[in-house]
């Protein structure tokens, strides 16, 4: 479709229903499917290289904690104490962590999520600590990104995640970014009050650059590079796998080329240091 400059909804004028952006029932279905059952990008690999490194992620509404163990294994948990459901880690990220201690009553968990300490434990009776560790989540590390499925696993359920079947054709683009060696320079959260699809829609086109970003390098993107088309097959697990590429008239690595899943957009704009 990119090469022929056509759309999957046929020729002519296309209209989008505004209800798709404010219907609360639809939004809840999207959350339950896309942001609970499918992998979410929560960090760069560069943030979790060493034992004791950790990252907290709350943007899906599920409190997620990811940590690198002393055995080198990356693990993900619900950031929720098994005693009274307080967050066991309040900082957004950190390093050299040896244990996570709940700030409410001091219950402590090691880097594998195992419950190792109960304040005044004798008063609780015979608590089986092996059955009260942090709730585990599926996690994968690939292409320089950390992916987590934000739904707790059942006891004994495998926590490893094969991310490639989910990504499908996006594997090629993500491997091309070569992000494994990247380090996070800075992070600036932006939390506008809008439906998540409006954010994704913006990253699927360069048509707005000249007017929304005047006086910046973005406004200087050549016209052929601004001709961006969003395409991609329906996701096999529901929803839409969005994948943005320049049109056939533009270089694939032109400024603004993006790879996008429902939860993540990656854009590259060449700079000189």
Protein backbone atom coordinates (compact mmCIF):
# COMPACT_ATOMS: atom_id res chain seq x y z
CA UNK A 1 0.00 0.00 0.00
CA UNK A 2 2.90 2.36 0.70
CA UNK A 3 4.38 1.78 -2.75
CA UNK A 4 1.04 2.30 -4.49
CA UNK A 5 0.02 5.23 -2.24
CA UNK A 6 -3.29 3.55 -1.34
CA UNK A 7 -5.19 2.86 1.88
CA UNK A 8 -6.67 -0.35 3.24
CA UNK A 9 -10.12 1.32 3.55
CA UNK A 10 -10.34 2.01 -0.17
CA UNK A 11 -10.31 5.23 -2.23
CA UNK A 12 -12.18 8.41 -1.44
CA UNK A 13 -12.64 10.49 1.71
CA UNK A 14 -12.27 8.67 5.02
CA UNK A 15 -13.95 9.75 8.26
CA UNK A 16 -13.09 8.77 11.84
CA UNK A 17 -15.83 8.57 14.45
CA UNK A 18 -15.10 10.83 17.43
CA UNK A 19 -16.80 8.30 19.71
CA UNK A 20 -13.70 6.14 19.34
CA UNK A 21 -11.83 8.70 21.43
CA UNK A 22 -14.22 9.37 24.32
CA UNK A 23 -16.47 6.32 24.73
CA UNK A 24 -15.61 5.05 28.28
CA UNK A 25 -16.78 1.50 27.55
CA UNK A 26 -14.54 1.28 24.49
CA UNK A 27 -11.62 2.74 26.45
CA UNK A 28 -12.00 0.10 29.16
CA UNK A 29 -12.02 -2.65 26.53
CA UNK A 30 -8.82 -1.21 25.07
CA UNK A 31 -7.18 -1.15 28.51
CA UNK A 32 -8.27 -4.70 29.31
CA UNK A 33 -6.91 -6.00 26.02
CA UNK A 34 -3.99 -3.84 24.87
CA UNK A 35 -2.64 -2.69 28.24
CA UNK A 36 -3.18 -5.85 30.31
CA UNK A 37 -2.82 -8.83 27.99
CA UNK A 38 -0.06 -7.65 25.65
CA UNK A 39 3.58 -6.62 26.17
CA UNK A 40 4.30 -3.03 27.21
CA UNK A 41 7.65 -1.28 26.79
CA UNK A 42 8.66 -0.16 30.29
CA UNK A 43 12.37 0.69 29.99
CA UNK A 44 15.55 0.64 27.94
CA UNK A 45 18.03 -2.18 28.50
CA UNK A 46 20.59 0.47 29.41
CA UNK A 47 18.61 1.26 32.57
CA UNK A 48 18.91 -2.31 33.87
CA UNK A 49 22.38 -3.51 32.97
CA UNK A 50 23.76 -4.35 36.42
CA UNK A 51 22.59 -6.41 39.37
CA UNK A 52 20.53 -4.20 41.67
CA UNK A 53 19.31 -1.90 38.89
CA UNK A 54 15.55 -1.35 38.96
CA UNK A 55 12.81 0.62 37.22
CA UNK A 56 9.25 1.43 38.30
CA UNK A 57 6.53 1.92 35.68
CA UNK A 58 3.00 3.16 36.46
CA UNK A 59 1.78 4.50 33.12
CA UNK A 60 -0.61 1.63 32.32
CA UNK A 61 -2.45 1.86 35.65
CA UNK A 62 -0.71 -1.30 36.83
CA UNK A 63 2.22 -0.70 39.23
CA UNK A 64 5.20 -2.47 37.65
CA UNK A 65 8.63 -3.11 39.18
CA UNK A 66 11.49 -4.51 37.08
CA UNK A 67 14.83 -5.50 38.61
CA UNK A 68 18.08 -7.20 37.62
CA UNK A 69 19.02 -9.95 40.08
CA UNK A 70 22.46 -10.89 41.34
CA UNK A 71 22.20 -13.89 39.00
CA UNK A 72 21.89 -11.52 36.05
CA UNK A 73 18.27 -12.47 35.41
CA UNK A 74 15.76 -9.72 34.67
CA UNK A 75 12.47 -10.09 36.57
CA UNK A 76 9.23 -8.13 36.67
CA UNK A 77 6.66 -7.89 39.45
CA UNK A 78 3.62 -5.99 40.55
CA UNK A 79 5.00 -3.21 42.73
CA UNK A 80 2.60 -4.20 45.50
CA UNK A 81 3.39 -5.53 48.98
CA UNK A 82 1.59 -8.78 49.76
CA UNK A 83 0.65 -7.51 53.23
CA UNK A 84 -1.43 -4.34 52.73
CA UNK A 85 -0.85 -3.60 49.03
CA UNK A 86 1.42 -0.57 49.49
CA UNK A 87 4.09 0.12 46.87
CA UNK A 88 7.31 -1.61 47.90
CA UNK A 89 9.43 0.82 45.83
CA UNK A 90 8.63 4.54 45.62
CA UNK A 91 11.55 5.76 43.50
CA UNK A 92 11.16 5.72 39.69
CA UNK A 93 14.50 3.97 39.19
CA UNK A 94 17.78 3.22 40.92
CA UNK A 95 20.81 0.99 41.27
CA UNK A 96 22.74 -1.12 43.80
CA UNK A 97 19.50 -2.38 45.31
CA UNK A 98 19.81 -5.39 47.59
CA UNK A 99 16.19 -5.71 48.70
CA UNK A 100 12.84 -3.95 48.37
CA UNK A 101 11.41 -2.90 51.73
CA UNK A 102 7.80 -1.82 51.98
CA UNK A 103 7.68 1.67 53.55
CA UNK A 104 4.38 0.88 55.30
CA UNK A 105 5.23 -2.06 57.61
CA UNK A 106 8.75 -3.01 56.57
CA UNK A 107 8.08 -6.31 54.83
CA UNK A 108 11.11 -7.02 52.62
CA UNK A 109 11.66 -8.86 49.35
CA UNK A 110 14.89 -9.86 47.64
CA UNK A 111 15.68 -9.16 43.96
CA UNK A 112 13.97 -12.39 42.92
CA UNK A 113 10.73 -11.16 44.53
CA UNK A 114 10.93 -13.66 47.38
CA UNK A 115 9.55 -12.53 50.75
CA UNK A 116 12.54 -12.56 53.11
CA UNK A 117 11.48 -10.47 56.12
CA UNK A 118 8.33 -9.80 58.14
CA UNK A 119 8.40 -7.15 60.85
CA UNK A 120 7.48 -8.82 64.18
CA UNK A 121 7.02 -12.02 62.23
CA UNK A 122 6.29 -14.15 65.29
CA UNK A 123 3.00 -12.30 65.75
CA UNK A 124 1.82 -13.53 62.33
CA UNK A 125 2.16 -17.21 63.11
CA UNK A 126 3.57 -19.71 60.66
CA UNK A 127 3.58 -17.69 57.41
CA UNK A 128 4.93 -19.60 54.41
CA UNK A 129 7.17 -16.93 52.89
CA UNK A 130 7.62 -18.93 49.70
CA UNK A 131 3.94 -18.38 48.88
CA UNK A 132 3.85 -14.65 49.59
CA UNK A 133 6.47 -13.19 47.30
CA UNK A 134 5.85 -10.31 44.91
CA UNK A 135 3.42 -11.23 42.14
CA UNK A 136 5.42 -12.06 39.01
CA UNK A 137 4.88 -10.68 35.50
CA UNK A 138 6.00 -11.93 32.10
CA UNK A 139 9.10 -10.07 30.91
CA UNK A 140 11.36 -9.99 27.86
CA UNK A 141 14.50 -8.08 26.92
CA UNK A 142 15.26 -7.63 23.25
CA UNK A 143 16.23 -4.92 20.76
CA UNK A 144 17.46 -2.75 23.65
CA UNK A 145 13.97 -2.61 25.21
CA UNK A 146 12.30 -4.19 28.24
CA UNK A 147 8.82 -5.59 27.63
CA UNK A 148 6.35 -6.59 30.36
CA UNK A 149 2.83 -8.04 30.27
CA UNK A 150 1.05 -6.16 33.13
CA UNK A 151 -1.07 -9.05 34.42
CA UNK A 152 0.08 -11.18 37.35
CA UNK A 153 1.09 -14.78 36.63
CA UNK A 154 -0.36 -17.78 38.37
CA UNK A 155 1.90 -19.82 40.65
CA UNK A 156 4.22 -21.93 38.53
CA UNK A 157 3.43 -20.09 35.30
CA UNK A 158 6.45 -19.33 33.10
CA UNK A 159 7.66 -15.73 33.33
CA UNK A 160 9.82 -15.67 30.20
CA UNK A 161 8.30 -14.03 27.15
CA UNK A 162 9.04 -14.60 23.46
CA UNK A 163 8.43 -11.11 22.12
CA UNK A 164 9.06 -11.76 18.41
CA UNK A 165 5.72 -13.42 17.55
CA UNK A 166 3.95 -10.39 19.00
CA UNK A 167 6.09 -7.88 17.10
CA UNK A 168 5.79 -9.59 13.74
CA UNK A 169 7.23 -7.36 10.97
CA UNK A 170 8.33 -4.74 13.52
CA UNK A 171 11.28 -6.99 14.40
CA UNK A 172 13.19 -5.78 11.36
CA UNK A 173 12.76 -2.10 12.19
CA UNK A 174 13.54 -2.51 15.89
CA UNK A 175 16.69 -4.50 15.22
CA UNK A 176 17.74 -1.73 12.82
CA UNK A 177 17.69 0.87 15.59
CA UNK A 178 20.54 -1.04 17.32
CA UNK A 179 19.47 0.24 20.77
CA UNK A 180 21.23 -2.47 22.78
CA UNK A 181 24.16 -0.19 23.51
CA UNK A 182 22.17 2.98 24.10
CA UNK A 183 22.16 4.78 27.43
CA UNK A 184 19.27 6.90 28.67
CA UNK A 185 20.41 10.53 28.64
CA UNK A 186 17.34 12.06 30.26
CA UNK A 187 13.62 11.50 30.70
CA UNK A 188 10.88 14.11 30.68
CA UNK A 189 7.38 12.74 31.36
CA UNK A 190 4.56 14.46 29.48
CA UNK A 191 1.06 13.48 30.58
CA UNK A 192 -1.57 15.31 28.55
CA UNK A 193 -5.24 14.72 29.34
CA UNK A 194 -6.19 12.96 26.13
CA UNK A 195 -7.11 9.56 24.81
CA UNK A 196 -4.02 7.43 24.15
CA UNK A 197 -4.97 6.98 20.46
CA UNK A 198 -4.57 10.72 19.82
CA UNK A 199 -0.93 10.45 20.88
CA UNK A 200 -0.32 7.45 18.63
CA UNK A 201 -2.12 9.14 15.72
CA UNK A 202 0.25 12.11 15.97
CA UNK A 203 3.31 9.87 15.69
CA UNK A 204 1.93 8.22 12.56
CA UNK A 205 2.27 11.30 10.35
CA UNK A 206 4.72 14.07 9.54
CA UNK A 207 2.09 16.18 7.80
CA UNK A 208 1.94 18.60 10.76
CA UNK A 209 5.66 19.37 11.03
CA UNK A 210 5.80 22.57 8.98
CA UNK A 211 3.00 24.29 10.94
CA UNK A 212 3.18 22.80 14.43
CA UNK A 213 6.99 22.92 14.69
CA UNK A 214 7.98 26.12 12.84
CA UNK A 215 11.54 27.29 13.30
CA UNK A 216 12.80 23.82 14.23
CA UNK A 217 14.68 21.20 12.25
CA UNK A 218 11.40 19.29 11.97
CA UNK A 219 9.86 22.04 9.85
CA UNK A 220 12.76 21.68 7.41
CA UNK A 221 11.98 18.04 6.63
CA UNK A 222 11.67 17.80 2.82
CA UNK A 223 8.17 17.45 1.43
CA UNK A 224 8.78 13.88 0.23
CA UNK A 225 9.73 12.90 3.78
CA UNK A 226 6.56 14.44 5.15
CA UNK A 227 4.49 12.10 3.02
CA UNK A 228 4.12 9.43 5.69
CA UNK A 229 1.63 6.63 5.50
CA UNK A 230 0.50 4.50 8.45
CA UNK A 231 -0.05 0.88 7.59
CA UNK A 232 0.03 -2.60 9.06
CA UNK A 233 -2.14 -5.70 9.39
CA UNK A 234 -4.73 -6.19 12.07
CA UNK A 235 -2.97 -7.53 15.15
CA UNK A 236 -3.50 -11.31 15.54
CA UNK A 237 -4.50 -10.83 19.18
CA UNK A 238 -6.91 -7.96 18.58
CA UNK A 239 -6.58 -4.26 17.98
CA UNK A 240 -4.37 -2.76 15.31
CA UNK A 241 -0.65 -3.08 14.85
CA UNK A 242 0.36 0.37 13.71
CA UNK A 243 3.55 0.66 11.72
CA UNK A 244 4.64 3.96 10.22
CA UNK A 245 7.11 4.26 7.38
CA UNK A 246 7.97 6.94 4.87
CA UNK A 247 6.26 6.62 1.51
CA UNK A 248 8.06 4.99 -1.40
CA UNK A 249 9.41 8.41 -2.41
CA UNK A 250 11.26 8.79 0.90
CA UNK A 251 14.26 7.07 2.38
CA UNK A 252 13.38 4.51 5.03
CA UNK A 253 15.79 6.13 7.47
CA UNK A 254 14.55 9.63 6.82
CA UNK A 255 13.91 11.94 9.79
CA UNK A 256 10.85 11.00 11.74
CA UNK A 257 10.66 7.34 10.73
CA UNK A 258 8.75 5.54 13.48
CA UNK A 259 7.95 2.07 14.68
CA UNK A 260 4.83 1.86 16.79
CA UNK A 261 2.85 -0.66 18.83
CA UNK A 262 -0.31 0.38 20.69
CA UNK A 263 1.81 1.30 23.72
CA UNK A 264 5.04 2.67 22.29
CA UNK A 265 6.27 5.01 19.57
CA UNK A 266 9.93 5.40 18.63
CA UNK A 267 11.04 8.30 16.47
CA UNK A 268 14.50 9.21 15.23
CA UNK A 269 15.62 12.71 14.30
CA UNK A 270 19.29 13.01 13.26
CA UNK A 271 21.32 15.49 15.30
CA UNK A 272 24.94 16.54 15.52
CA UNK A 273 26.80 16.69 18.82
